[in-house]
Amino acid sequence: MSFKNHFINAYELAERERKKEKEKNAEKFRIAATKEFERLFKIPVTSSKTIGECNAELMIDDVTIIAQESFPGIKFFTMKQCAECGTMFLPVHRECCTSIEDIGRDLSTQTMCCKCELLNKRKNETSEETVIRKLREIFEIIQH
């Protein structure tokens, strides 16, 4: 075996170990997030899955909560359904949920996803606003 193969094998072994470690940490976080949600909100989680090393998706019947690791502790955010297209999304400007009322607030307010918000904004813009937007786009292209 040449040194090149030896180096590549060592790298691949280390990558497999890192991947296993990440999966193990993600699973630990999912379990911790589930327990923390149930402790904080006193509601059982129906199912959960890992989304990454520091994120988990918690299902409570048909409500989806995203758990994110933060310092200190875990923050919970409600996934929303777009009022226009029905897509599930996590709002860009969102507040952390610390009570059942916060989750209820999130579920009761209508919101659109970024794509529908942009389309809706463009539908309602005046012809002058459209011209200005197009000129800005052209100017950005010229600058780059």
C-alpha atoms as a PDB file:
ATOM      1  CA  MET A   1       0.000   0.000   0.000  1.00  0.00           C
ATOM      2  CA  SER A   2       1.367   3.434  -0.932  1.00  0.00           C
ATOM      3  CA  PHE A   3       1.457   6.356   1.473  1.00  0.00           C
ATOM      4  CA  LYS A   4      -1.209   8.095  -0.614  1.00  0.00           C
ATOM      5  CA  ASN A   5      -3.694   5.296   0.086  1.00  0.00           C
ATOM      6  CA  HIS A   6      -2.636   5.249   3.741  1.00  0.00           C
ATOM      7  CA  PHE A   7      -3.378   8.995   4.058  1.00  0.00           C
ATOM      8  CA  ILE A   8      -6.711   8.668   2.281  1.00  0.00           C
ATOM      9  CA  ASN A   9      -7.747   5.708   4.461  1.00  0.00           C
ATOM     10  CA  ALA A  10      -6.803   7.608   7.622  1.00  0.00           C
ATOM     11  CA  TYR A  11      -8.865  10.590   6.473  1.00  0.00           C
ATOM     12  CA  GLU A  12     -11.887   8.429   5.575  1.00  0.00           C
ATOM     13  CA  LEU A  13     -11.727   6.661   8.942  1.00  0.00           C
ATOM     14  CA  ALA A  14     -11.585   9.997  10.778  1.00  0.00           C
ATOM     15  CA  GLU A  15     -14.551  11.287   8.724  1.00  0.00           C
ATOM     16  CA  ARG A  16     -16.632   8.215   9.595  1.00  0.00           C
ATOM     17  CA  GLU A  17     -15.816   8.739  13.275  1.00  0.00           C
ATOM     18  CA  ARG A  18     -16.767  12.442  13.085  1.00  0.00           C
ATOM     19  CA  LYS A  19     -20.030  11.554  11.359  1.00  0.00           C
ATOM     20  CA  LYS A  20     -20.857   8.960  14.043  1.00  0.00           C
ATOM     21  CA  GLU A  21     -20.077  11.501  16.759  1.00  0.00           C
ATOM     22  CA  LYS A  22     -22.308  14.135  15.130  1.00  0.00           C
ATOM     23  CA  GLU A  23     -25.167  11.641  14.813  1.00  0.00           C
ATOM     24  CA  LYS A  24     -24.703  10.634  18.463  1.00  0.00           C
ATOM     25  CA  ASN A  25     -24.745  14.295  19.576  1.00  0.00           C
ATOM     26  CA  ALA A  26     -27.816  15.008  17.423  1.00  0.00           C
ATOM     27  CA  GLU A  27     -29.643  12.073  18.991  1.00  0.00           C
ATOM     28  CA  LYS A  28     -28.677  13.252  22.501  1.00  0.00           C
ATOM     29  CA  PHE A  29     -29.984  16.725  21.675  1.00  0.00           C
ATOM     30  CA  ARG A  30     -33.264  15.316  20.283  1.00  0.00           C
ATOM     31  CA  ILE A  31     -33.846  13.384  23.499  1.00  0.00           C
ATOM     32  CA  ALA A  32     -32.922  16.374  25.689  1.00  0.00           C
ATOM     33  CA  ALA A  33     -35.181  18.701  23.646  1.00  0.00           C
ATOM     34  CA  THR A  34     -38.100  16.284  23.917  1.00  0.00           C
ATOM     35  CA  LYS A  35     -37.686  15.998  27.699  1.00  0.00           C
ATOM     36  CA  GLU A  36     -37.282  19.776  28.101  1.00  0.00           C
ATOM     37  CA  PHE A  37     -40.401  20.491  26.023  1.00  0.00           C
ATOM     38  CA  GLU A  38     -42.465  18.004  28.026  1.00  0.00           C
ATOM     39  CA  ARG A  39     -41.127  19.446  31.307  1.00  0.00           C
ATOM     40  CA  LEU A  40     -41.680  23.082  30.316  1.00  0.00           C
ATOM     41  CA  PHE A  41     -45.063  22.787  28.587  1.00  0.00           C
ATOM     42  CA  LYS A  42     -46.411  19.697  30.390  1.00  0.00           C
ATOM     43  CA  ILE A  43     -47.541  18.252  27.036  1.00  0.00           C
ATOM     44  CA  PRO A  44     -46.307  14.912  25.639  1.00  0.00           C
ATOM     45  CA  VAL A  45     -44.391  14.926  22.363  1.00  0.00           C
ATOM     46  CA  THR A  46     -45.972  12.579  19.801  1.00  0.00           C
ATOM     47  CA  SER A  47     -42.767  12.055  17.794  1.00  0.00           C
ATOM     48  CA  SER A  48     -39.443  13.736  17.163  1.00  0.00           C
ATOM     49  CA  LYS A  49     -36.518  13.633  14.759  1.00  0.00           C
ATOM     50  CA  THR A  50     -33.097  15.175  14.485  1.00  0.00           C
ATOM     51  CA  ILE A  51     -32.535  18.005  12.011  1.00  0.00           C
ATOM     52  CA  GLY A  52     -28.891  18.548  12.826  1.00  0.00           C
ATOM     53  CA  GLU A  53     -26.513  18.460  15.726  1.00  0.00           C
ATOM     54  CA  CYS A  54     -28.236  21.391  17.485  1.00  0.00           C
ATOM     55  CA  ASN A  55     -31.796  21.232  16.074  1.00  0.00           C
ATOM     56  CA  ALA A  56     -34.701  18.846  16.432  1.00  0.00           C
ATOM     57  CA  GLU A  57     -38.250  18.681  15.113  1.00  0.00           C
ATOM     58  CA  LEU A  58     -40.886  17.844  17.719  1.00  0.00           C
ATOM     59  CA  MET A  59     -44.396  16.802  16.694  1.00  0.00           C
ATOM     60  CA  ILE A  60     -47.305  17.342  19.045  1.00  0.00           C
ATOM     61  CA  ASP A  61     -50.278  15.895  17.140  1.00  0.00           C
ATOM     62  CA  ASP A  62     -50.335  18.102  13.998  1.00  0.00           C
ATOM     63  CA  VAL A  63     -48.237  20.941  15.464  1.00  0.00           C
ATOM     64  CA  THR A  64     -44.538  21.066  14.611  1.00  0.00           C
ATOM     65  CA  ILE A  65     -42.099  22.687  17.009  1.00  0.00           C
ATOM     66  CA  ILE A  66     -38.439  23.309  16.187  1.00  0.00           C
ATOM     67  CA  ALA A  67     -36.033  22.997  19.112  1.00  0.00           C
ATOM     68  CA  GLN A  68     -32.756  24.871  18.814  1.00  0.00           C
ATOM     69  CA  GLU A  69     -29.825  24.637  21.156  1.00  0.00           C
ATOM     70  CA  SER A  70     -28.901  28.019  22.571  1.00  0.00           C
ATOM     71  CA  PHE A  71     -26.923  29.296  25.487  1.00  0.00           C
ATOM     72  CA  PRO A  72     -28.263  28.688  28.024  1.00  0.00           C
ATOM     73  CA  GLY A  73     -30.738  25.926  27.340  1.00  0.00           C
ATOM     74  CA  ILE A  74     -33.049  25.104  24.460  1.00  0.00           C
ATOM     75  CA  LYS A  75     -35.345  27.461  22.552  1.00  0.00           C
ATOM     76  CA  PHE A  76     -38.606  26.347  20.961  1.00  0.00           C
ATOM     77  CA  PHE A  77     -40.179  27.839  17.818  1.00  0.00           C
ATOM     78  CA  THR A  78     -43.499  27.049  16.141  1.00  0.00           C
ATOM     79  CA  MET A  79     -43.511  26.004  12.484  1.00  0.00           C
ATOM     80  CA  LYS A  80     -46.165  27.978  10.617  1.00  0.00           C
ATOM     81  CA  GLN A  81     -48.307  27.176   7.591  1.00  0.00           C
ATOM     82  CA  CYS A  82     -48.303  29.775   4.828  1.00  0.00           C
ATOM     83  CA  ALA A  83     -51.730  31.396   4.466  1.00  0.00           C
ATOM     84  CA  GLU A  84     -51.277  31.509   0.658  1.00  0.00           C
ATOM     85  CA  CYS A  85     -49.613  28.267  -0.494  1.00  0.00           C
ATOM     86  CA  GLY A  86     -49.920  26.063   2.613  1.00  0.00           C
ATOM     87  CA  THR A  87     -46.183  25.333   2.883  1.00  0.00           C
ATOM     88  CA  MET A  88     -44.788  24.759   6.363  1.00  0.00           C
ATOM     89  CA  PHE A  89     -41.996  27.195   7.262  1.00  0.00           C
ATOM     90  CA  LEU A  90     -40.145  28.748  10.160  1.00  0.00           C
ATOM     91  CA  PRO A  91     -40.718  32.522  10.063  1.00  0.00           C
ATOM     92  CA  VAL A  92     -37.635  34.710   9.688  1.00  0.00           C
ATOM     93  CA  HIS A  93     -38.835  37.106  12.408  1.00  0.00           C
ATOM     94  CA  ARG A  94     -39.931  34.735  15.123  1.00  0.00           C
ATOM     95  CA  GLU A  95     -40.240  34.740  18.859  1.00  0.00           C
ATOM     96  CA  CYS A  96     -39.184  31.924  21.116  1.00  0.00           C
ATOM     97  CA  CYS A  97     -42.066  30.044  22.770  1.00  0.00           C
ATOM     98  CA  THR A  98     -41.873  29.835  26.552  1.00  0.00           C
ATOM     99  CA  SER A  99     -45.536  29.034  27.283  1.00  0.00           C
ATOM    100  CA  ILE A 100     -48.573  27.334  25.806  1.00  0.00           C
ATOM    101  CA  GLU A 101     -49.974  30.810  25.116  1.00  0.00           C
ATOM    102  CA  ASP A 102     -46.934  31.625  22.947  1.00  0.00           C
ATOM    103  CA  ILE A 103     -47.558  28.529  20.831  1.00  0.00           C
ATOM    104  CA  GLY A 104     -51.253  29.485  20.597  1.00  0.00           C
ATOM    105  CA  ARG A 105     -50.268  33.020  19.508  1.00  0.00           C
ATOM    106  CA  ASP A 106     -48.080  31.608  16.745  1.00  0.00           C
ATOM    107  CA  LEU A 107     -50.749  29.188  15.552  1.00  0.00           C
ATOM    108  CA  SER A 108     -53.537  31.780  15.555  1.00  0.00           C
ATOM    109  CA  THR A 109     -51.714  34.461  13.539  1.00  0.00           C
ATOM    110  CA  GLN A 110     -51.816  34.206   9.750  1.00  0.00           C
ATOM    111  CA  THR A 111     -48.423  34.517   8.059  1.00  0.00           C
ATOM    112  CA  MET A 112     -47.091  34.070   4.551  1.00  0.00           C
ATOM    113  CA  CYS A 113     -43.820  32.418   3.600  1.00  0.00           C
ATOM    114  CA  CYS A 114     -41.114  34.658   2.099  1.00  0.00           C
ATOM    115  CA  LYS A 115     -41.907  33.542  -1.451  1.00  0.00           C
ATOM    116  CA  CYS A 116     -45.633  34.321  -1.199  1.00  0.00           C
ATOM    117  CA  GLU A 117     -44.949  37.558   0.675  1.00  0.00           C
ATOM    118  CA  LEU A 118     -42.703  38.725  -2.173  1.00  0.00           C
ATOM    119  CA  LEU A 119     -45.222  37.663  -4.840  1.00  0.00           C
ATOM    120  CA  ASN A 120     -48.034  39.400  -2.964  1.00  0.00           C
ATOM    121  CA  LYS A 121     -45.941  42.548  -2.563  1.00  0.00           C
ATOM    122  CA  ARG A 122     -45.195  42.591  -6.301  1.00  0.00           C
ATOM    123  CA  LYS A 123     -48.893  42.133  -7.157  1.00  0.00           C
ATOM    124  CA  ASN A 124     -49.761  45.229  -5.135  1.00  0.00           C
ATOM    125  CA  GLU A 125     -46.948  47.503  -6.297  1.00  0.00           C
ATOM    126  CA  THR A 126     -47.680  50.462  -8.554  1.00  0.00           C
ATOM    127  CA  SER A 127     -46.192  50.715 -12.034  1.00  0.00           C
ATOM    128  CA  GLU A 128     -43.737  53.334 -10.722  1.00  0.00           C
ATOM    129  CA  GLU A 129     -42.587  50.960  -7.982  1.00  0.00           C
ATOM    130  CA  THR A 130     -42.143  48.207 -10.585  1.00  0.00           C
ATOM    131  CA  VAL A 131     -39.979  50.485 -12.749  1.00  0.00           C
ATOM    132  CA  ILE A 132     -37.861  51.486  -9.740  1.00  0.00           C
ATOM    133  CA  ARG A 133     -37.437  47.808  -8.696  1.00  0.00           C
ATOM    134  CA  LYS A 134     -36.400  46.826 -12.229  1.00  0.00           C
ATOM    135  CA  LEU A 135     -33.920  49.733 -12.401  1.00  0.00           C
ATOM    136  CA  ARG A 136     -32.412  48.634  -9.074  1.00  0.00           C
ATOM    137  CA  GLU A 137     -32.032  45.087 -10.409  1.00  0.00           C
ATOM    138  CA  ILE A 138     -30.315  46.389 -13.562  1.00  0.00           C
ATOM    139  CA  PHE A 139     -28.049  48.633 -11.486  1.00  0.00           C
ATOM    140  CA  GLU A 140     -27.040  45.660  -9.274  1.00  0.00           C
ATOM    141  CA  ILE A 141     -26.213  43.588 -12.372  1.00  0.00           C
ATOM    142  CA  ILE A 142     -24.086  46.399 -13.804  1.00  0.00           C
ATOM    143  CA  GLN A 143     -22.199  46.824 -10.506  1.00  0.00           C
ATOM    144  CA  HIS A 144     -21.201  43.178 -10.382  1.00  0.00           C
END
